[in-house]
Amino acid sequence: MTLKSLDVHNRKDFETHHLDSHPNSPVLTQYFANWLRALGVDEAGYRALRDMLAMR
């Protein structure tokens, strides 16, 4: 698994299980956005990769 796919997978799991319920949700949301941006993945790219991972 590449770093990009690992970060997409981790963000997907965070959004599914912890978004809005984790006490540090805003910080973690920004953390994932920063990592994906550093890896060259925009929001549309994230959604496409997330959907591809879900099909596996």
PDB file of N, CA and C in Angstrom:
ATOM      1  N   MET A   1       0.856  -1.170   0.000  1.00  0.00           N
ATOM      2  CA  MET A   1       0.000   0.000   0.000  1.00  0.00           C
ATOM      3  C   MET A   1       0.905   1.238   0.000  1.00  0.00           C
ATOM      4  N   THR A   2       0.589   2.195  -0.821  1.00  0.00           N
ATOM      5  CA  THR A   2       1.392   3.414  -0.893  1.00  0.00           C
ATOM      6  C   THR A   2       0.986   4.384   0.214  1.00  0.00           C
ATOM      7  N   LEU A   3       1.840   5.360   0.462  1.00  0.00           N
ATOM      8  CA  LEU A   3       1.537   6.364   1.467  1.00  0.00           C
ATOM      9  C   LEU A   3       0.237   7.090   1.125  1.00  0.00           C
ATOM     10  N   LYS A   4       0.043   7.372  -0.154  1.00  0.00           N
ATOM     11  CA  LYS A   4      -1.170   8.072  -0.593  1.00  0.00           C
ATOM     12  C   LYS A   4      -2.412   7.237  -0.287  1.00  0.00           C
ATOM     13  N   SER A   5      -2.390   5.956  -0.658  1.00  0.00           N
ATOM     14  CA  SER A   5      -3.571   5.122  -0.418  1.00  0.00           C
ATOM     15  C   SER A   5      -3.779   4.883   1.074  1.00  0.00           C
ATOM     16  N   LEU A   6      -2.696   4.802   1.844  1.00  0.00           N
ATOM     17  CA  LEU A   6      -2.813   4.628   3.286  1.00  0.00           C
ATOM     18  C   LEU A   6      -3.469   5.847   3.924  1.00  0.00           C
ATOM     19  N   ASP A   7      -3.073   7.038   3.511  1.00  0.00           N
ATOM     20  CA  ASP A   7      -3.668   8.247   4.068  1.00  0.00           C
ATOM     21  C   ASP A   7      -5.127   8.385   3.656  1.00  0.00           C
ATOM     22  N   VAL A   8      -5.451   8.036   2.420  1.00  0.00           N
ATOM     23  CA  VAL A   8      -6.855   8.060   1.977  1.00  0.00           C
ATOM     24  C   VAL A   8      -7.666   7.087   2.826  1.00  0.00           C
ATOM     25  N   HIS A   9      -7.146   5.891   3.031  1.00  0.00           N
ATOM     26  CA  HIS A   9      -7.844   4.885   3.835  1.00  0.00           C
ATOM     27  C   HIS A   9      -8.038   5.373   5.280  1.00  0.00           C
ATOM     28  N   ASN A  10      -6.991   5.950   5.868  1.00  0.00           N
ATOM     29  CA  ASN A  10      -7.089   6.443   7.243  1.00  0.00           C
ATOM     30  C   ASN A  10      -8.094   7.578   7.362  1.00  0.00           C
ATOM     31  N   ARG A  11      -8.100   8.487   6.376  1.00  0.00           N
ATOM     32  CA  ARG A  11      -9.076   9.587   6.423  1.00  0.00           C
ATOM     33  C   ARG A  11     -10.491   9.046   6.275  1.00  0.00           C
ATOM     34  N   LYS A  12     -10.680   8.089   5.379  1.00  0.00           N
ATOM     35  CA  LYS A  12     -12.005   7.489   5.204  1.00  0.00           C
ATOM     36  C   LYS A  12     -12.480   6.861   6.512  1.00  0.00           C
ATOM     37  N   ASP A  13     -11.609   6.113   7.176  1.00  0.00           N
ATOM     38  CA  ASP A  13     -11.976   5.495   8.454  1.00  0.00           C
ATOM     39  C   ASP A  13     -12.274   6.554   9.515  1.00  0.00           C
ATOM     40  N   PHE A  14     -11.463   7.600   9.560  1.00  0.00           N
ATOM     41  CA  PHE A  14     -11.715   8.696  10.499  1.00  0.00           C
ATOM     42  C   PHE A  14     -13.086   9.308  10.244  1.00  0.00           C
ATOM     43  N   GLU A  15     -13.392   9.611   8.984  1.00  0.00           N
ATOM     44  CA  GLU A  15     -14.683  10.224   8.663  1.00  0.00           C
ATOM     45  C   GLU A  15     -15.844   9.291   8.988  1.00  0.00           C
ATOM     46  N   THR A  16     -15.651   8.006   8.786  1.00  0.00           N
ATOM     47  CA  THR A  16     -16.712   7.032   9.049  1.00  0.00           C
ATOM     48  C   THR A  16     -16.965   6.840  10.536  1.00  0.00           C
ATOM     49  N   HIS A  17     -15.891   6.789  11.325  1.00  0.00           N
ATOM     50  CA  HIS A  17     -16.025   6.382  12.717  1.00  0.00           C
ATOM     51  C   HIS A  17     -15.838   7.487  13.755  1.00  0.00           C
ATOM     52  N   HIS A  18     -15.180   8.589  13.401  1.00  0.00           N
ATOM     53  CA  HIS A  18     -14.820   9.558  14.430  1.00  0.00           C
ATOM     54  C   HIS A  18     -15.157  11.011  14.122  1.00  0.00           C
ATOM     55  N   LEU A  19     -15.478  11.324  12.884  1.00  0.00           N
ATOM     56  CA  LEU A  19     -15.783  12.711  12.530  1.00  0.00           C
ATOM     57  C   LEU A  19     -16.946  13.208  13.382  1.00  0.00           C
ATOM     58  N   ASP A  20     -16.798  14.350  13.984  1.00  0.00           N
ATOM     59  CA  ASP A  20     -17.803  14.994  14.831  1.00  0.00           C
ATOM     60  C   ASP A  20     -17.995  14.331  16.190  1.00  0.00           C
ATOM     61  N   SER A  21     -17.319  13.202  16.449  1.00  0.00           N
ATOM     62  CA  SER A  21     -17.449  12.588  17.776  1.00  0.00           C
ATOM     63  C   SER A  21     -16.130  12.596  18.539  1.00  0.00           C
ATOM     64  N   HIS A  22     -15.023  12.703  17.840  1.00  0.00           N
ATOM     65  CA  HIS A  22     -13.709  12.727  18.485  1.00  0.00           C
ATOM     66  C   HIS A  22     -13.446  14.130  19.007  1.00  0.00           C
ATOM     67  N   PRO A  23     -12.900  14.260  20.213  1.00  0.00           N
ATOM     68  CA  PRO A  23     -12.667  15.597  20.767  1.00  0.00           C
ATOM     69  C   PRO A  23     -11.715  16.459  19.925  1.00  0.00           C
ATOM     70  N   ASN A  24     -10.836  15.833  19.168  1.00  0.00           N
ATOM     71  CA  ASN A  24      -9.900  16.579  18.318  1.00  0.00           C
ATOM     72  C   ASN A  24     -10.285  16.512  16.841  1.00  0.00           C
ATOM     73  N   SER A  25     -11.553  16.341  16.572  1.00  0.00           N
ATOM     74  CA  SER A  25     -12.028  16.194  15.201  1.00  0.00           C
ATOM     75  C   SER A  25     -11.576  17.327  14.268  1.00  0.00           C
ATOM     76  N   PRO A  26     -11.691  18.595  14.670  1.00  0.00           N
ATOM     77  CA  PRO A  26     -11.238  19.668  13.760  1.00  0.00           C
ATOM     78  C   PRO A  26      -9.736  19.590  13.457  1.00  0.00           C
ATOM     79  N   VAL A  27      -8.949  19.266  14.464  1.00  0.00           N
ATOM     80  CA  VAL A  27      -7.503  19.161  14.270  1.00  0.00           C
ATOM     81  C   VAL A  27      -7.182  17.993  13.354  1.00  0.00           C
ATOM     82  N   LEU A  28      -7.835  16.860  13.556  1.00  0.00           N
ATOM     83  CA  LEU A  28      -7.586  15.689  12.719  1.00  0.00           C
ATOM     84  C   LEU A  28      -8.062  15.912  11.287  1.00  0.00           C
ATOM     85  N   THR A  29      -9.150  16.625  11.118  1.00  0.00           N
ATOM     86  CA  THR A  29      -9.633  16.950   9.772  1.00  0.00           C
ATOM     87  C   THR A  29      -8.569  17.760   9.028  1.00  0.00           C
ATOM     88  N   GLN A  30      -7.996  18.734   9.706  1.00  0.00           N
ATOM     89  CA  GLN A  30      -6.941  19.548   9.093  1.00  0.00           C
ATOM     90  C   GLN A  30      -5.679  18.722   8.843  1.00  0.00           C
ATOM     91  N   TYR A  31      -5.357  17.831   9.748  1.00  0.00           N
ATOM     92  CA  TYR A  31      -4.199  16.946   9.599  1.00  0.00           C
ATOM     93  C   TYR A  31      -4.297  16.146   8.306  1.00  0.00           C
ATOM     94  N   PHE A  32      -5.453  15.518   8.071  1.00  0.00           N
ATOM     95  CA  PHE A  32      -5.614  14.722   6.852  1.00  0.00           C
ATOM     96  C   PHE A  32      -5.592  15.607   5.610  1.00  0.00           C
ATOM     97  N   ALA A  33      -6.202  16.776   5.683  1.00  0.00           N
ATOM     98  CA  ALA A  33      -6.187  17.700   4.545  1.00  0.00           C
ATOM     99  C   ALA A  33      -4.756  18.120   4.215  1.00  0.00           C
ATOM    100  N   ASN A  34      -3.967  18.401   5.244  1.00  0.00           N
ATOM    101  CA  ASN A  34      -2.576  18.807   5.022  1.00  0.00           C
ATOM    102  C   ASN A  34      -1.758  17.686   4.392  1.00  0.00           C
ATOM    103  N   TRP A  35      -1.914  16.472   4.897  1.00  0.00           N
ATOM    104  CA  TRP A  35      -1.169  15.344   4.344  1.00  0.00           C
ATOM    105  C   TRP A  35      -1.536  15.102   2.893  1.00  0.00           C
ATOM    106  N   LEU A  36      -2.818  15.080   2.600  1.00  0.00           N
ATOM    107  CA  LEU A  36      -3.232  14.814   1.219  1.00  0.00           C
ATOM    108  C   LEU A  36      -2.767  15.926   0.286  1.00  0.00           C
ATOM    109  N   ARG A  37      -2.825  17.156   0.742  1.00  0.00           N
ATOM    110  CA  ARG A  37      -2.336  18.272  -0.077  1.00  0.00           C
ATOM    111  C   ARG A  37      -0.832  18.103  -0.341  1.00  0.00           C
ATOM    112  N   ALA A  38      -0.087  17.716   0.681  1.00  0.00           N
ATOM    113  CA  ALA A  38       1.361  17.492   0.523  1.00  0.00           C
ATOM    114  C   ALA A  38       1.644  16.351  -0.453  1.00  0.00           C
ATOM    115  N   LEU A  39       0.726  15.402  -0.527  1.00  0.00           N
ATOM    116  CA  LEU A  39       0.886  14.272  -1.445  1.00  0.00           C
ATOM    117  C   LEU A  39       0.296  14.559  -2.832  1.00  0.00           C
ATOM    118  N   GLY A  40      -0.221  15.780  -3.026  1.00  0.00           N
ATOM    119  CA  GLY A  40      -0.753  16.171  -4.331  1.00  0.00           C
ATOM    120  C   GLY A  40      -2.165  15.680  -4.601  1.00  0.00           C
ATOM    121  N   VAL A  41      -2.936  15.454  -3.545  1.00  0.00           N
ATOM    122  CA  VAL A  41      -4.304  14.951  -3.704  1.00  0.00           C
ATOM    123  C   VAL A  41      -5.275  16.048  -3.279  1.00  0.00           C
ATOM    124  N   ASP A  42      -6.109  16.512  -4.214  1.00  0.00           N
ATOM    125  CA  ASP A  42      -7.135  17.498  -3.867  1.00  0.00           C
ATOM    126  C   ASP A  42      -8.400  16.760  -3.415  1.00  0.00           C
ATOM    127  N   GLU A  43      -9.453  17.508  -3.076  1.00  0.00           N
ATOM    128  CA  GLU A  43     -10.679  16.885  -2.564  1.00  0.00           C
ATOM    129  C   GLU A  43     -11.323  15.939  -3.579  1.00  0.00           C
ATOM    130  N   ALA A  44     -11.352  16.336  -4.839  1.00  0.00           N
ATOM    131  CA  ALA A  44     -11.930  15.470  -5.875  1.00  0.00           C
ATOM    132  C   ALA A  44     -11.099  14.192  -6.006  1.00  0.00           C
ATOM    133  N   GLY A  45      -9.793  14.347  -5.939  1.00  0.00           N
ATOM    134  CA  GLY A  45      -8.914  13.187  -6.006  1.00  0.00           C
ATOM    135  C   GLY A  45      -9.107  12.271  -4.810  1.00  0.00           C
ATOM    136  N   TYR A  46      -9.282  12.867  -3.630  1.00  0.00           N
ATOM    137  CA  TYR A  46      -9.541  12.076  -2.429  1.00  0.00           C
ATOM    138  C   TYR A  46     -10.808  11.249  -2.602  1.00  0.00           C
ATOM    139  N   ARG A  47     -11.886  11.898  -3.047  1.00  0.00           N
ATOM    140  CA  ARG A  47     -13.164  11.172  -3.210  1.00  0.00           C
ATOM    141  C   ARG A  47     -13.030  10.043  -4.213  1.00  0.00           C
ATOM    142  N   ALA A  48     -12.319  10.276  -5.306  1.00  0.00           N
ATOM    143  CA  ALA A  48     -12.135   9.231  -6.322  1.00  0.00           C
ATOM    144  C   ALA A  48     -11.324   8.051  -5.752  1.00  0.00           C
ATOM    145  N   LEU A  49     -10.241   8.363  -5.055  1.00  0.00           N
ATOM    146  CA  LEU A  49      -9.424   7.299  -4.464  1.00  0.00           C
ATOM    147  C   LEU A  49     -10.194   6.562  -3.372  1.00  0.00           C
ATOM    148  N   ARG A  50     -10.941   7.285  -2.561  1.00  0.00           N
ATOM    149  CA  ARG A  50     -11.753   6.670  -1.508  1.00  0.00           C
ATOM    150  C   ARG A  50     -12.761   5.693  -2.103  1.00  0.00           C
ATOM    151  N   ASP A  51     -13.403   6.111  -3.183  1.00  0.00           N
ATOM    152  CA  ASP A  51     -14.390   5.247  -3.834  1.00  0.00           C
ATOM    153  C   ASP A  51     -13.744   4.022  -4.445  1.00  0.00           C
ATOM    154  N   MET A  52     -12.534   4.189  -4.995  1.00  0.00           N
ATOM    155  CA  MET A  52     -11.814   3.039  -5.559  1.00  0.00           C
ATOM    156  C   MET A  52     -11.443   2.045  -4.448  1.00  0.00           C
ATOM    157  N   LEU A  53     -11.013   2.542  -3.299  1.00  0.00           N
ATOM    158  CA  LEU A  53     -10.672   1.656  -2.187  1.00  0.00           C
ATOM    159  C   LEU A  53     -11.908   0.912  -1.684  1.00  0.00           C
ATOM    160  N   ALA A  54     -13.053   1.573  -1.723  1.00  0.00           N
ATOM    161  CA  ALA A  54     -14.294   0.943  -1.243  1.00  0.00           C
ATOM    162  C   ALA A  54     -14.720  -0.205  -2.144  1.00  0.00           C
ATOM    163  N   MET A  55     -14.300  -0.169  -3.399  1.00  0.00           N
ATOM    164  CA  MET A  55     -14.692  -1.217  -4.356  1.00  0.00           C
ATOM    165  C   MET A  55     -13.863  -2.487  -4.188  1.00  0.00           C
ATOM    166  N   ARG A  56     -12.790  -2.420  -3.418  1.00  0.00           N
ATOM    167  CA  ARG A  56     -11.910  -3.583  -3.232  1.00  0.00           C
ATOM    168  C   ARG A  56     -12.531  -4.598  -2.337  1.00  0.00           C
TER     169      ARG A  56
END
